[in-house]
Amino acid sequence: MGMSIASPPREIVPRVRDAILQAIPGAEVEVKANGSHFEIRVRSATFEGMRTLHRQRLVLSAIKHLMEGDNPPVHAIDVLETTP
């Protein structure tokens, strides 16, 4: 069994941020990393009238590709705040 090395958080943070901005243009996005665990805060007018679960699903679907596979760069989202 080979061991693969995960990308350092400083390389992943901009990828997470860019993926969210691509899905939600104009959003204010804050991403912090502690290893492969992340805190994400997103503020966007797009969220107006949406329930919290729908807002969170929108953000998570934007970064889904970073959470898939055997050794994903994003292992866990410890904080996910979404506000209009």
N, C-alpha and C. Protein backbone atom coordinates (compact mmCIF):
# COMPACT_ATOMS: atom_id res chain seq x y z
N MET A 1 0.83 -1.19 0.00
CA MET A 1 0.00 0.00 0.00
C MET A 1 0.87 1.24 0.00
N GLY A 2 0.62 2.15 -0.96
CA GLY A 2 1.36 3.40 -1.01
C GLY A 2 0.72 4.45 -0.14
N MET A 3 1.55 5.33 0.32
CA MET A 3 1.04 6.42 1.13
C MET A 3 1.12 7.70 0.32
N SER A 4 0.02 8.43 0.26
CA SER A 4 0.07 9.69 -0.47
C SER A 4 0.06 10.84 0.52
N ILE A 5 0.75 11.87 0.16
CA ILE A 5 0.87 13.04 1.02
C ILE A 5 -0.20 14.05 0.62
N ALA A 6 -0.96 14.54 1.58
CA ALA A 6 -1.99 15.54 1.31
C ALA A 6 -1.35 16.89 1.06
N SER A 7 -2.02 17.70 0.26
CA SER A 7 -1.54 19.06 0.00
C SER A 7 -1.62 19.88 1.28
N PRO A 8 -0.66 20.77 1.48
CA PRO A 8 -0.71 21.62 2.68
C PRO A 8 -1.93 22.55 2.63
N PRO A 9 -2.47 22.90 3.80
CA PRO A 9 -3.65 23.77 3.84
C PRO A 9 -3.48 25.07 3.08
N ARG A 10 -2.29 25.65 3.07
CA ARG A 10 -2.10 26.93 2.37
C ARG A 10 -2.36 26.80 0.87
N GLU A 11 -2.23 25.60 0.33
CA GLU A 11 -2.54 25.37 -1.08
C GLU A 11 -4.02 25.06 -1.29
N ILE A 12 -4.66 24.49 -0.30
CA ILE A 12 -6.05 24.09 -0.43
C ILE A 12 -7.01 25.25 -0.17
N VAL A 13 -6.67 26.13 0.76
CA VAL A 13 -7.56 27.25 1.12
C VAL A 13 -7.99 28.04 -0.12
N PRO A 14 -7.06 28.46 -1.00
CA PRO A 14 -7.50 29.21 -2.18
C PRO A 14 -8.36 28.38 -3.13
N ARG A 15 -8.10 27.08 -3.19
CA ARG A 15 -8.93 26.21 -4.05
C ARG A 15 -10.35 26.13 -3.53
N VAL A 16 -10.50 26.04 -2.20
CA VAL A 16 -11.84 26.01 -1.59
C VAL A 16 -12.54 27.34 -1.86
N ARG A 17 -11.83 28.42 -1.60
CA ARG A 17 -12.40 29.76 -1.79
C ARG A 17 -12.82 29.98 -3.25
N ASP A 18 -11.95 29.63 -4.19
CA ASP A 18 -12.25 29.82 -5.61
C ASP A 18 -13.45 28.98 -6.06
N ALA A 19 -13.55 27.76 -5.56
CA ALA A 19 -14.67 26.89 -5.93
C ALA A 19 -15.99 27.48 -5.44
N ILE A 20 -15.98 28.04 -4.24
CA ILE A 20 -17.20 28.65 -3.70
C ILE A 20 -17.55 29.90 -4.50
N LEU A 21 -16.56 30.71 -4.82
CA LEU A 21 -16.82 31.93 -5.60
C LEU A 21 -17.30 31.62 -7.01
N GLN A 22 -16.87 30.51 -7.55
CA GLN A 22 -17.34 30.12 -8.88
C GLN A 22 -18.82 29.76 -8.81
N ALA A 23 -19.24 29.11 -7.74
CA ALA A 23 -20.64 28.71 -7.57
C ALA A 23 -21.51 29.87 -7.10
N ILE A 24 -20.92 30.78 -6.32
CA ILE A 24 -21.67 31.91 -5.75
C ILE A 24 -20.88 33.19 -6.01
N PRO A 25 -20.95 33.70 -7.25
CA PRO A 25 -20.17 34.90 -7.60
C PRO A 25 -20.54 36.08 -6.70
N GLY A 26 -19.52 36.85 -6.33
CA GLY A 26 -19.74 38.03 -5.52
C GLY A 26 -19.86 37.78 -4.03
N ALA A 27 -19.78 36.53 -3.61
CA ALA A 27 -19.90 36.20 -2.19
C ALA A 27 -18.66 36.67 -1.43
N GLU A 28 -18.84 36.94 -0.15
CA GLU A 28 -17.71 37.17 0.75
C GLU A 28 -17.39 35.81 1.35
N VAL A 29 -16.19 35.33 1.12
CA VAL A 29 -15.82 33.98 1.53
C VAL A 29 -14.58 34.03 2.43
N GLU A 30 -14.69 33.40 3.59
CA GLU A 30 -13.57 33.28 4.52
C GLU A 30 -13.33 31.78 4.74
N VAL A 31 -12.11 31.35 4.51
CA VAL A 31 -11.75 29.94 4.70
C VAL A 31 -10.53 29.86 5.59
N LYS A 32 -10.61 29.07 6.65
CA LYS A 32 -9.48 28.81 7.53
C LYS A 32 -9.27 27.31 7.59
N ALA A 33 -8.00 26.90 7.69
CA ALA A 33 -7.69 25.48 7.72
C ALA A 33 -6.84 25.14 8.93
N ASN A 34 -7.09 23.95 9.46
CA ASN A 34 -6.26 23.35 10.51
C ASN A 34 -6.02 21.92 10.04
N GLY A 35 -4.93 21.72 9.33
CA GLY A 35 -4.70 20.41 8.71
C GLY A 35 -5.71 20.24 7.59
N SER A 36 -6.45 19.14 7.62
CA SER A 36 -7.46 18.90 6.59
C SER A 36 -8.86 19.24 7.09
N HIS A 37 -8.94 19.93 8.23
CA HIS A 37 -10.21 20.39 8.79
C HIS A 37 -10.36 21.88 8.48
N PHE A 38 -11.57 22.29 8.10
CA PHE A 38 -11.78 23.65 7.62
C PHE A 38 -12.93 24.35 8.33
N GLU A 39 -12.81 25.68 8.38
CA GLU A 39 -13.90 26.56 8.80
C GLU A 39 -14.21 27.43 7.60
N ILE A 40 -15.48 27.46 7.24
CA ILE A 40 -15.90 28.22 6.07
C ILE A 40 -17.04 29.15 6.47
N ARG A 41 -16.90 30.42 6.11
CA ARG A 41 -17.96 31.41 6.34
C ARG A 41 -18.25 32.09 5.02
N VAL A 42 -19.52 32.08 4.62
CA VAL A 42 -19.91 32.67 3.35
C VAL A 42 -21.08 33.62 3.58
N ARG A 43 -20.94 34.84 3.05
CA ARG A 43 -22.03 35.82 3.09
C ARG A 43 -22.35 36.18 1.64
N SER A 44 -23.65 36.07 1.28
CA SER A 44 -24.03 36.38 -0.08
C SER A 44 -25.51 36.75 -0.16
N ALA A 45 -25.83 37.70 -1.01
CA ALA A 45 -27.22 38.07 -1.26
C ALA A 45 -27.96 36.90 -1.92
N THR A 46 -27.22 35.99 -2.54
CA THR A 46 -27.82 34.80 -3.15
C THR A 46 -28.60 34.00 -2.12
N PHE A 47 -28.20 34.09 -0.87
CA PHE A 47 -28.83 33.31 0.20
C PHE A 47 -30.16 33.90 0.69
N GLU A 48 -30.50 35.11 0.23
CA GLU A 48 -31.76 35.74 0.67
C GLU A 48 -32.93 34.79 0.43
N GLY A 49 -33.73 34.57 1.47
CA GLY A 49 -34.92 33.74 1.36
C GLY A 49 -34.66 32.24 1.39
N MET A 50 -33.40 31.82 1.45
CA MET A 50 -33.08 30.38 1.50
C MET A 50 -33.01 29.92 2.94
N ARG A 51 -33.43 28.69 3.16
CA ARG A 51 -33.25 28.08 4.47
C ARG A 51 -31.78 27.72 4.65
N THR A 52 -31.37 27.61 5.91
CA THR A 52 -29.97 27.33 6.24
C THR A 52 -29.47 26.07 5.53
N LEU A 53 -30.26 25.01 5.55
CA LEU A 53 -29.84 23.75 4.93
C LEU A 53 -29.57 23.93 3.44
N HIS A 54 -30.41 24.68 2.75
CA HIS A 54 -30.23 24.91 1.32
C HIS A 54 -28.95 25.72 1.06
N ARG A 55 -28.70 26.73 1.91
CA ARG A 55 -27.48 27.53 1.76
C ARG A 55 -26.24 26.66 1.96
N GLN A 56 -26.28 25.80 2.99
CA GLN A 56 -25.13 24.94 3.26
C GLN A 56 -24.92 23.92 2.14
N ARG A 57 -26.00 23.39 1.62
CA ARG A 57 -25.88 22.44 0.49
C ARG A 57 -25.25 23.10 -0.73
N LEU A 58 -25.60 24.35 -0.97
CA LEU A 58 -25.04 25.08 -2.10
C LEU A 58 -23.52 25.21 -1.95
N VAL A 59 -23.07 25.55 -0.76
CA VAL A 59 -21.63 25.69 -0.51
C VAL A 59 -20.94 24.32 -0.60
N LEU A 60 -21.52 23.32 0.03
CA LEU A 60 -20.90 21.99 0.02
C LEU A 60 -20.84 21.40 -1.39
N SER A 61 -21.85 21.66 -2.20
CA SER A 61 -21.82 21.14 -3.57
C SER A 61 -20.70 21.80 -4.37
N ALA A 62 -20.37 23.03 -4.03
CA ALA A 62 -19.29 23.74 -4.73
C ALA A 62 -17.92 23.14 -4.44
N ILE A 63 -17.75 22.55 -3.25
CA ILE A 63 -16.44 21.99 -2.89
C ILE A 63 -16.44 20.46 -2.84
N LYS A 64 -17.51 19.88 -3.30
CA LYS A 64 -17.66 18.41 -3.26
C LYS A 64 -16.44 17.69 -3.86
N HIS A 65 -15.94 18.21 -4.98
CA HIS A 65 -14.81 17.57 -5.65
C HIS A 65 -13.54 17.56 -4.78
N LEU A 66 -13.47 18.46 -3.80
CA LEU A 66 -12.31 18.51 -2.91
C LEU A 66 -12.46 17.59 -1.70
N MET A 67 -13.64 16.95 -1.60
CA MET A 67 -13.92 16.08 -0.45
C MET A 67 -14.06 14.62 -0.87
N GLU A 68 -13.81 14.33 -2.14
CA GLU A 68 -14.00 12.97 -2.65
C GLU A 68 -12.68 12.24 -2.79
N GLY A 69 -12.76 10.93 -2.86
CA GLY A 69 -11.58 10.10 -3.08
C GLY A 69 -11.03 9.52 -1.79
N ASP A 70 -9.95 8.77 -1.94
CA ASP A 70 -9.35 8.07 -0.80
C ASP A 70 -8.59 9.00 0.13
N ASN A 71 -7.99 10.05 -0.41
CA ASN A 71 -7.21 10.97 0.41
C ASN A 71 -7.56 12.41 0.01
N PRO A 72 -8.81 12.84 0.31
CA PRO A 72 -9.23 14.16 -0.14
C PRO A 72 -8.50 15.28 0.60
N PRO A 73 -8.26 16.40 -0.09
CA PRO A 73 -7.58 17.52 0.58
C PRO A 73 -8.45 18.15 1.68
N VAL A 74 -9.77 18.05 1.54
CA VAL A 74 -10.68 18.54 2.56
C VAL A 74 -11.31 17.33 3.24
N HIS A 75 -10.92 17.09 4.48
CA HIS A 75 -11.41 15.93 5.21
C HIS A 75 -12.70 16.25 5.96
N ALA A 76 -12.78 17.44 6.54
CA ALA A 76 -13.95 17.79 7.35
C ALA A 76 -14.17 19.29 7.35
N ILE A 77 -15.44 19.66 7.43
CA ILE A 77 -15.82 21.05 7.61
C ILE A 77 -16.31 21.16 9.05
N ASP A 78 -15.50 21.77 9.91
CA ASP A 78 -15.86 21.87 11.33
C ASP A 78 -16.84 23.00 11.58
N VAL A 79 -16.75 24.06 10.77
CA VAL A 79 -17.67 25.19 10.88
C VAL A 79 -18.10 25.57 9.49
N LEU A 80 -19.42 25.71 9.29
CA LEU A 80 -19.95 26.20 8.01
C LEU A 80 -21.05 27.20 8.33
N GLU A 81 -20.71 28.47 8.16
CA GLU A 81 -21.67 29.54 8.41
C GLU A 81 -22.04 30.17 7.09
N THR A 82 -23.35 30.32 6.85
CA THR A 82 -23.84 30.94 5.62
C THR A 82 -24.86 32.00 6.03
N THR A 83 -24.62 33.24 5.58
CA THR A 83 -25.54 34.32 5.93
C THR A 83 -25.84 35.16 4.70
N PRO A 84 -27.08 35.66 4.61
CA PRO A 84 -27.43 36.53 3.49
C PRO A 84 -26.83 37.92 3.66
